[in-house]
Protein backbone atom coordinates (compact mmCIF):
# COMPACT_ATOMS: atom_id res chain seq x y z
CA MET A 1 38.07 -15.13 13.95
CA ARG A 2 40.40 -14.34 11.08
CA ARG A 3 41.45 -17.35 9.05
CA VAL A 4 44.36 -17.48 6.66
CA ILE A 5 44.07 -19.54 3.46
CA GLY A 6 47.27 -20.04 1.43
CA MET A 7 47.43 -20.94 -2.29
CA VAL A 8 50.65 -22.82 -2.77
CA GLN A 9 52.11 -24.92 -5.58
CA SER A 10 55.72 -25.15 -6.74
CA LYS A 11 54.53 -25.46 -10.34
CA GLY A 12 53.03 -22.46 -12.12
CA GLY A 13 49.96 -22.45 -14.44
CA VAL A 14 47.77 -24.55 -12.19
CA GLY A 15 45.23 -21.92 -11.29
CA LYS A 16 46.42 -20.46 -7.97
CA SER A 17 45.25 -16.96 -8.75
CA THR A 18 42.08 -18.09 -10.41
CA THR A 19 41.24 -20.13 -7.33
CA ALA A 20 42.12 -17.43 -4.92
CA LEU A 21 39.97 -14.73 -6.56
CA ASN A 22 36.88 -17.00 -7.22
CA LEU A 23 37.00 -18.43 -3.81
CA GLY A 24 37.27 -14.98 -2.34
CA ALA A 25 34.22 -13.88 -4.29
CA GLU A 26 32.22 -16.88 -3.09
CA LEU A 27 33.15 -16.11 0.57
CA VAL A 28 32.07 -12.51 0.10
CA ARG A 29 28.77 -13.68 -1.34
CA ARG A 30 28.26 -15.56 1.91
CA GLY A 31 28.69 -12.37 3.92
CA ARG A 32 32.44 -12.84 4.83
CA LYS A 33 34.97 -10.00 4.76
CA VAL A 34 37.90 -11.08 2.54
CA VAL A 35 41.33 -9.69 1.44
CA VAL A 36 43.51 -11.30 -1.12
CA LEU A 37 47.29 -10.66 -0.56
CA ASP A 38 49.24 -11.24 -3.87
CA ALA A 39 52.70 -12.43 -2.76
CA ASP A 40 53.61 -13.57 -6.28
CA PRO A 41 56.02 -11.24 -8.27
CA ALA A 42 53.98 -12.22 -11.33
CA ALA A 43 51.10 -10.24 -9.71
CA HIS A 44 48.28 -11.96 -11.61
CA SER A 45 45.73 -11.44 -8.84
CA ALA A 46 46.65 -7.74 -8.43
CA ALA A 47 46.45 -7.34 -12.28
CA VAL A 48 42.92 -8.71 -12.36
CA ALA A 49 41.96 -6.39 -9.50
CA GLY A 50 43.13 -3.40 -11.44
CA ASP A 51 39.73 -2.82 -13.07
CA GLY A 52 38.03 -2.46 -9.60
CA ARG A 53 35.25 -5.05 -10.30
CA LEU A 54 36.16 -7.41 -7.56
CA PRO A 55 34.04 -7.43 -4.39
CA PHE A 56 37.13 -7.33 -2.14
CA SER A 57 40.57 -5.77 -1.85
CA VAL A 58 43.69 -7.26 -3.47
CA GLN A 59 46.96 -5.95 -2.11
CA ALA A 60 50.48 -6.73 -3.43
CA HIS A 61 52.38 -8.29 -0.54
CA LEU A 62 55.90 -9.32 -1.58
CA ILE A 63 58.94 -10.37 0.32
CA GLU A 64 61.79 -8.44 -1.24
CA ASP A 65 64.61 -9.65 1.08
CA VAL A 66 64.54 -12.90 2.92
CA ASP A 67 65.67 -12.56 6.49
CA ASP A 68 64.04 -13.06 9.81
CA THR A 69 63.11 -9.35 10.29
CA THR A 70 61.64 -9.10 6.78
CA VAL A 71 59.57 -12.26 7.08
CA ALA A 72 58.32 -11.23 10.58
CA ALA A 73 57.11 -7.85 9.13
CA TRP A 74 55.49 -9.67 6.23
CA ALA A 75 53.60 -11.96 8.57
CA LYS A 76 52.63 -8.99 10.85
CA VAL A 77 50.80 -7.38 7.93
CA VAL A 78 48.91 -10.68 7.35
CA ARG A 79 47.90 -10.98 10.99
CA GLU A 80 46.75 -7.35 11.23
CA GLN A 81 44.12 -7.67 8.38
CA GLU A 82 40.76 -6.85 9.85
CA VAL A 83 38.75 -9.42 7.84
CA ASP A 84 37.25 -12.85 8.23
CA PHE A 85 39.54 -14.43 5.63
CA VAL A 86 43.02 -13.57 4.32
CA ILE A 87 43.81 -15.46 1.11
CA ILE A 88 47.45 -15.44 0.23
CA ASP A 89 48.35 -16.02 -3.46
CA ALA A 90 51.86 -17.35 -2.95
CA PRO A 91 54.59 -17.51 -5.63
CA GLY A 92 55.48 -20.80 -7.29
CA ALA A 93 59.17 -20.41 -6.42
CA MET A 94 59.96 -21.96 -3.00
CA GLY A 95 61.38 -18.78 -1.50
CA GLY A 96 60.61 -16.61 1.53
CA ALA A 97 56.94 -15.85 0.66
CA PHE A 98 56.23 -19.51 -0.14
CA GLY A 99 57.59 -20.68 3.24
CA ALA A 100 55.99 -17.75 5.12
CA THR A 101 52.60 -18.52 3.57
CA ILE A 102 52.83 -22.12 4.81
CA ALA A 103 53.96 -20.95 8.28
CA ILE A 104 51.09 -18.47 8.78
CA SER A 105 48.18 -20.32 7.14
CA ASP A 106 45.42 -22.22 8.85
CA ILE A 107 44.82 -24.18 5.64
CA VAL A 108 46.75 -24.34 2.38
CA LEU A 109 45.08 -25.16 -0.94
CA VAL A 110 47.36 -27.03 -3.42
CA PRO A 111 45.82 -26.56 -6.88
CA SER A 112 46.87 -29.24 -9.34
CA GLY A 113 46.09 -29.97 -13.02
CA PRO A 114 45.95 -33.53 -14.27
CA THR A 115 49.35 -33.71 -15.99
CA ALA A 116 52.24 -35.69 -14.54
CA LEU A 117 54.09 -32.38 -14.01
CA ASP A 118 51.26 -30.81 -12.13
CA VAL A 119 50.87 -33.83 -9.93
CA ARG A 120 54.60 -33.96 -9.30
CA GLY A 121 54.50 -30.25 -8.30
CA ALA A 122 51.62 -30.97 -5.91
CA ALA A 123 53.57 -33.85 -4.29
CA GLU A 124 56.61 -31.65 -3.95
CA THR A 125 54.54 -28.91 -2.38
CA ILE A 126 52.86 -31.27 0.07
CA GLY A 127 56.21 -32.66 1.08
CA THR A 128 57.47 -29.14 1.79
CA ILE A 129 54.35 -28.40 3.84
CA ARG A 130 54.87 -31.53 5.90
CA ARG A 131 58.51 -30.70 6.59
CA HIS A 132 57.39 -27.20 7.83
CA ARG A 133 54.86 -28.76 10.15
CA LYS A 134 57.35 -31.25 11.48
CA ALA A 135 60.04 -28.63 12.02
CA ALA A 136 57.44 -26.32 13.81
CA LYS A 137 56.00 -29.24 15.80
CA ARG A 138 52.45 -28.31 14.88
CA GLN A 139 49.62 -29.71 12.87
CA LYS A 140 48.86 -26.58 10.97
CA PRO A 141 48.35 -25.81 8.20
CA ASP A 142 45.69 -28.20 7.07
CA ILE A 143 46.12 -29.35 3.41
CA LEU A 144 43.45 -29.50 0.79
CA VAL A 145 44.39 -30.50 -2.73
CA VAL A 146 42.31 -28.81 -5.44
CA PRO A 147 41.92 -30.53 -8.85
CA SER A 148 42.10 -27.49 -11.06
CA ARG A 149 41.67 -26.72 -14.84
CA ILE A 150 40.33 -30.32 -15.35
CA ASP A 151 38.91 -31.47 -18.72
CA ARG A 152 36.82 -34.56 -17.96
CA ARG A 153 36.85 -35.49 -21.62
CA THR A 154 40.47 -36.64 -21.25
CA SER A 155 41.54 -39.91 -19.50
CA SER A 156 43.79 -37.91 -17.17
CA GLY A 157 40.93 -35.59 -16.27
CA ARG A 158 38.63 -38.45 -15.52
CA ASP A 159 41.32 -40.11 -13.29
CA VAL A 160 42.55 -36.94 -11.57
CA VAL A 161 40.75 -37.31 -8.29
CA GLU A 162 42.09 -40.80 -7.81
CA THR A 163 45.60 -39.70 -8.93
CA LEU A 164 45.59 -36.81 -6.35
CA ALA A 165 44.07 -38.90 -3.64
CA ALA A 166 47.18 -41.08 -3.88
CA LEU A 167 49.07 -38.14 -2.32
CA THR A 168 47.22 -39.07 0.96
CA GLU A 169 45.78 -35.63 1.58
CA PRO A 170 42.04 -34.57 1.36
CA VAL A 171 41.00 -33.73 -2.24
CA SER A 172 38.36 -30.99 -2.91
CA PRO A 173 35.56 -31.06 -5.56
CA VAL A 174 36.92 -30.58 -9.10
CA ILE A 175 37.31 -27.19 -10.69
CA SER A 176 36.75 -27.80 -14.44
CA TYR A 177 38.60 -26.13 -17.27
CA ARG A 178 36.15 -23.67 -18.95
CA ALA A 179 36.62 -20.62 -21.12
CA VAL A 180 34.30 -18.58 -18.93
CA VAL A 181 36.82 -18.70 -16.16
CA ALA A 182 39.67 -17.24 -18.28
CA ASP A 183 37.19 -14.73 -19.90
CA SER A 184 35.92 -13.47 -16.63
CA LEU A 185 39.42 -12.77 -15.21
CA THR A 186 40.44 -11.09 -18.48
CA SER A 187 37.63 -8.63 -17.89
CA GLY A 188 38.61 -8.09 -14.26
CA ASP A 189 35.79 -10.07 -12.72
CA THR A 190 35.08 -13.51 -11.28
CA VAL A 191 32.71 -16.17 -12.67
CA PRO A 192 28.97 -15.67 -12.23
CA HIS A 193 27.95 -17.44 -9.01
CA ASP A 194 25.05 -19.34 -10.69
CA SER A 195 27.12 -20.63 -13.63
CA PRO A 196 28.54 -24.14 -13.71
CA SER A 197 32.01 -22.81 -12.66
CA GLY A 198 30.43 -20.63 -9.98
CA ILE A 199 28.72 -23.72 -8.56
CA GLU A 200 32.07 -25.57 -8.56
CA PHE A 201 33.76 -22.71 -6.63
CA ALA A 202 30.89 -22.77 -4.21
CA ALA A 203 31.50 -26.44 -3.62
CA LEU A 204 35.20 -25.63 -3.01
CA ALA A 205 34.19 -23.00 -0.48
CA ASP A 206 32.02 -25.60 1.31
CA ALA A 207 34.95 -27.94 1.46
CA VAL A 208 37.28 -25.22 2.83
CA LEU A 209 34.82 -24.06 5.47
CA THR A 210 34.19 -27.64 6.54
CA ARG A 211 37.98 -28.20 6.93
CA LEU A 212 38.18 -25.04 9.00
CA GLY A 213 35.21 -26.04 11.09
CA ASP A 214 33.39 -22.83 9.99
CA ASP A 215 29.61 -22.57 9.55
CA LEU A 216 28.63 -22.90 5.88
């Protein structure tokens, strides 16, 4: 069964693309077929994929004009992907692709750093998702908040899980801020799976699959 994982956050710079690509690599390592659809005009995921080192396809998938026909066509492309997991790297701006990602996802990951602005963006994003669910009269998408780019040496980093838990949605294991993550993406690759960061992304994959009721 194809599952759709959306990466959404109204604030930029919180690690959406990093999370999308490293989660995708971990799922491939577990034998799943994955495609990442880059719906963000900034195209960070597509840029990383340009070197051809990623173990999955990354496709640009923008919504140029927001109307019912365009959004329906955008969603049709997502539904027709012949893979186990479609990961959508949504734009930060709350436009057509942002709303369409929420509408079509089985689960949305909301990455958040530890700063007040990051947490405010996560809260705003969660509120938007809840309104979408209420308007559609459905329980999907599930929500998983991802503590991202966390430095545990700081007080905000040590308190981030408790801070994000106050948003009253499930919180995933922490993804730490490490130079290896940025360095790997600069070279067009993901983190080594046996590195400390790789282990953290594996724990995130466990959390996502558990939420989806998928075998680990």
